[in-house]
Amino acid sequence: MNSSQIVKELLELKTAWRRQNFVYTKDQRSRYDELLKLRREIVRQYEIDGKVWIGPSVHGKPKD
């Protein structure tokens, strides 16, 4: 499962959570926890590989 599929499924679970008065079923909660763990591992690997920008934002600053 790739990162975009994980994010898409997390968003679907979030929508269901809202429709269900902000409560997950037991199965939904376990799936959410599993997906969140996978997503965090992917992001951690991105950081190790140097694929994540960590630093000040230059958005909106004047260009020289």
N, C-alpha and C. Protein backbone atom coordinates (compact mmCIF):
# COMPACT_ATOMS: atom_id res chain seq x y z
N MET A 1 0.85 -1.17 0.00
CA MET A 1 0.00 0.00 0.00
C MET A 1 0.90 1.23 0.00
N ASN A 2 0.62 2.16 -0.90
CA ASN A 2 1.47 3.35 -0.96
C ASN A 2 0.89 4.50 -0.13
N SER A 3 1.66 5.54 -0.01
CA SER A 3 1.33 6.65 0.86
C SER A 3 0.01 7.32 0.49
N SER A 4 -0.24 7.50 -0.79
CA SER A 4 -1.47 8.18 -1.20
C SER A 4 -2.71 7.34 -0.89
N GLN A 5 -2.60 6.04 -1.00
CA GLN A 5 -3.73 5.16 -0.65
C GLN A 5 -4.01 5.22 0.84
N ILE A 6 -2.96 5.29 1.64
CA ILE A 6 -3.11 5.37 3.09
C ILE A 6 -3.81 6.68 3.46
N VAL A 7 -3.37 7.77 2.88
CA VAL A 7 -3.96 9.07 3.18
C VAL A 7 -5.43 9.09 2.75
N LYS A 8 -5.72 8.54 1.59
CA LYS A 8 -7.10 8.50 1.09
C LYS A 8 -8.00 7.71 2.05
N GLU A 9 -7.53 6.57 2.51
CA GLU A 9 -8.33 5.76 3.42
C GLU A 9 -8.48 6.45 4.79
N LEU A 10 -7.43 7.13 5.25
CA LEU A 10 -7.53 7.89 6.50
C LEU A 10 -8.59 8.99 6.38
N LEU A 11 -8.64 9.66 5.24
CA LEU A 11 -9.65 10.71 5.04
C LEU A 11 -11.06 10.13 4.98
N GLU A 12 -11.20 8.94 4.39
CA GLU A 12 -12.51 8.28 4.35
C GLU A 12 -12.96 7.92 5.77
N LEU A 13 -12.03 7.43 6.58
CA LEU A 13 -12.36 7.10 7.97
C LEU A 13 -12.73 8.36 8.76
N LYS A 14 -12.05 9.45 8.47
CA LYS A 14 -12.35 10.71 9.15
C LYS A 14 -13.75 11.20 8.80
N THR A 15 -14.15 11.04 7.54
CA THR A 15 -15.49 11.42 7.11
C THR A 15 -16.54 10.55 7.80
N ALA A 16 -16.28 9.25 7.87
CA ALA A 16 -17.21 8.33 8.54
C ALA A 16 -17.32 8.69 10.02
N TRP A 17 -16.21 9.04 10.64
CA TRP A 17 -16.18 9.43 12.04
C TRP A 17 -17.10 10.62 12.29
N ARG A 18 -17.08 11.59 11.39
CA ARG A 18 -17.95 12.76 11.53
C ARG A 18 -19.42 12.39 11.39
N ARG A 19 -19.72 11.50 10.42
CA ARG A 19 -21.11 11.07 10.21
C ARG A 19 -21.64 10.26 11.39
N GLN A 20 -20.76 9.65 12.15
CA GLN A 20 -21.13 8.78 13.25
C GLN A 20 -21.05 9.49 14.60
N ASN A 21 -21.28 10.80 14.60
CA ASN A 21 -21.24 11.60 15.82
C ASN A 21 -19.88 11.51 16.51
N PHE A 22 -18.82 11.54 15.74
CA PHE A 22 -17.44 11.60 16.24
C PHE A 22 -17.07 10.38 17.09
N VAL A 23 -17.55 9.21 16.66
CA VAL A 23 -17.24 7.96 17.34
C VAL A 23 -16.89 6.91 16.29
N TYR A 24 -15.76 6.20 16.51
CA TYR A 24 -15.38 5.09 15.64
C TYR A 24 -15.93 3.79 16.21
N THR A 25 -16.23 2.84 15.32
CA THR A 25 -16.51 1.49 15.77
C THR A 25 -15.17 0.86 16.15
N LYS A 26 -15.23 -0.28 16.78
CA LYS A 26 -13.99 -0.95 17.20
C LYS A 26 -13.12 -1.30 15.99
N ASP A 27 -13.74 -1.80 14.92
CA ASP A 27 -12.99 -2.15 13.71
C ASP A 27 -12.40 -0.91 13.03
N GLN A 28 -13.19 0.16 12.98
CA GLN A 28 -12.70 1.39 12.37
C GLN A 28 -11.52 1.95 13.16
N ARG A 29 -11.60 1.89 14.47
CA ARG A 29 -10.52 2.42 15.31
C ARG A 29 -9.23 1.63 15.11
N SER A 30 -9.34 0.31 15.04
CA SER A 30 -8.14 -0.50 14.84
C SER A 30 -7.54 -0.24 13.46
N ARG A 31 -8.39 -0.08 12.44
CA ARG A 31 -7.90 0.22 11.08
C ARG A 31 -7.23 1.59 11.05
N TYR A 32 -7.84 2.58 11.72
CA TYR A 32 -7.28 3.92 11.78
C TYR A 32 -5.90 3.90 12.43
N ASP A 33 -5.79 3.20 13.55
CA ASP A 33 -4.50 3.10 14.25
C ASP A 33 -3.44 2.43 13.38
N GLU A 34 -3.84 1.39 12.65
CA GLU A 34 -2.91 0.69 11.76
C GLU A 34 -2.43 1.61 10.63
N LEU A 35 -3.37 2.32 10.01
CA LEU A 35 -3.02 3.23 8.92
C LEU A 35 -2.15 4.38 9.41
N LEU A 36 -2.45 4.90 10.57
CA LEU A 36 -1.67 6.00 11.13
C LEU A 36 -0.24 5.55 11.41
N LYS A 37 -0.09 4.34 11.92
CA LYS A 37 1.25 3.80 12.17
C LYS A 37 2.02 3.65 10.85
N LEU A 38 1.37 3.13 9.81
CA LEU A 38 2.02 2.99 8.50
C LEU A 38 2.43 4.36 7.95
N ARG A 39 1.55 5.33 8.06
CA ARG A 39 1.83 6.67 7.54
C ARG A 39 3.02 7.29 8.26
N ARG A 40 3.07 7.14 9.57
CA ARG A 40 4.18 7.69 10.33
C ARG A 40 5.50 7.03 9.96
N GLU A 41 5.47 5.72 9.71
CA GLU A 41 6.68 5.02 9.28
C GLU A 41 7.15 5.52 7.92
N ILE A 42 6.21 5.77 7.01
CA ILE A 42 6.57 6.29 5.68
C ILE A 42 7.20 7.67 5.80
N VAL A 43 6.60 8.54 6.60
CA VAL A 43 7.13 9.90 6.77
C VAL A 43 8.50 9.85 7.44
N ARG A 44 8.65 8.97 8.42
CA ARG A 44 9.95 8.82 9.09
C ARG A 44 11.02 8.39 8.08
N GLN A 45 10.66 7.49 7.18
CA GLN A 45 11.61 7.04 6.16
C GLN A 45 11.94 8.19 5.19
N TYR A 46 10.93 9.01 4.86
CA TYR A 46 11.18 10.19 4.02
C TYR A 46 12.20 11.10 4.68
N GLU A 47 12.08 11.29 5.99
CA GLU A 47 13.01 12.15 6.72
C GLU A 47 14.43 11.56 6.69
N ILE A 48 14.55 10.26 6.87
CA ILE A 48 15.85 9.59 6.83
C ILE A 48 16.49 9.73 5.45
N ASP A 49 15.67 9.59 4.40
CA ASP A 49 16.17 9.67 3.02
C ASP A 49 16.41 11.10 2.55
N GLY A 50 16.05 12.08 3.36
CA GLY A 50 16.26 13.48 2.99
C GLY A 50 15.23 14.00 2.00
N LYS A 51 14.04 13.42 1.99
CA LYS A 51 13.00 13.83 1.05
C LYS A 51 12.02 14.83 1.65
N VAL A 52 12.28 15.27 2.88
CA VAL A 52 11.39 16.20 3.58
C VAL A 52 12.17 17.48 3.85
N TRP A 53 11.59 18.61 3.49
CA TRP A 53 12.23 19.89 3.76
C TRP A 53 12.03 20.24 5.22
N ILE A 54 13.12 20.46 5.93
CA ILE A 54 13.07 20.88 7.31
C ILE A 54 13.86 22.18 7.39
N GLY A 55 13.15 23.26 7.50
CA GLY A 55 13.80 24.55 7.55
C GLY A 55 12.79 25.66 7.41
N PRO A 56 13.28 26.89 7.32
CA PRO A 56 12.35 28.02 7.23
C PRO A 56 11.65 28.06 5.88
N SER A 57 10.44 28.54 5.90
CA SER A 57 9.67 28.68 4.67
C SER A 57 10.11 29.95 3.96
N VAL A 58 10.19 29.91 2.65
CA VAL A 58 10.54 31.10 1.87
C VAL A 58 9.31 31.59 1.09
N HIS A 59 8.17 30.96 1.35
CA HIS A 59 6.95 31.37 0.67
C HIS A 59 6.55 32.78 1.09
N GLY A 60 6.29 33.62 0.13
CA GLY A 60 5.85 34.98 0.42
C GLY A 60 6.97 35.96 0.66
N LYS A 61 8.20 35.51 0.71
CA LYS A 61 9.32 36.43 0.91
C LYS A 61 9.74 36.99 -0.45
N PRO A 62 10.18 38.23 -0.47
CA PRO A 62 10.59 38.81 -1.75
C PRO A 62 11.83 38.12 -2.30
N LYS A 63 11.84 37.96 -3.62
CA LYS A 63 13.00 37.35 -4.27
C LYS A 63 14.03 38.41 -4.56
N ASP A 64 15.29 38.07 -4.41
CA ASP A 64 16.37 39.02 -4.65
C ASP A 64 16.59 39.25 -6.13
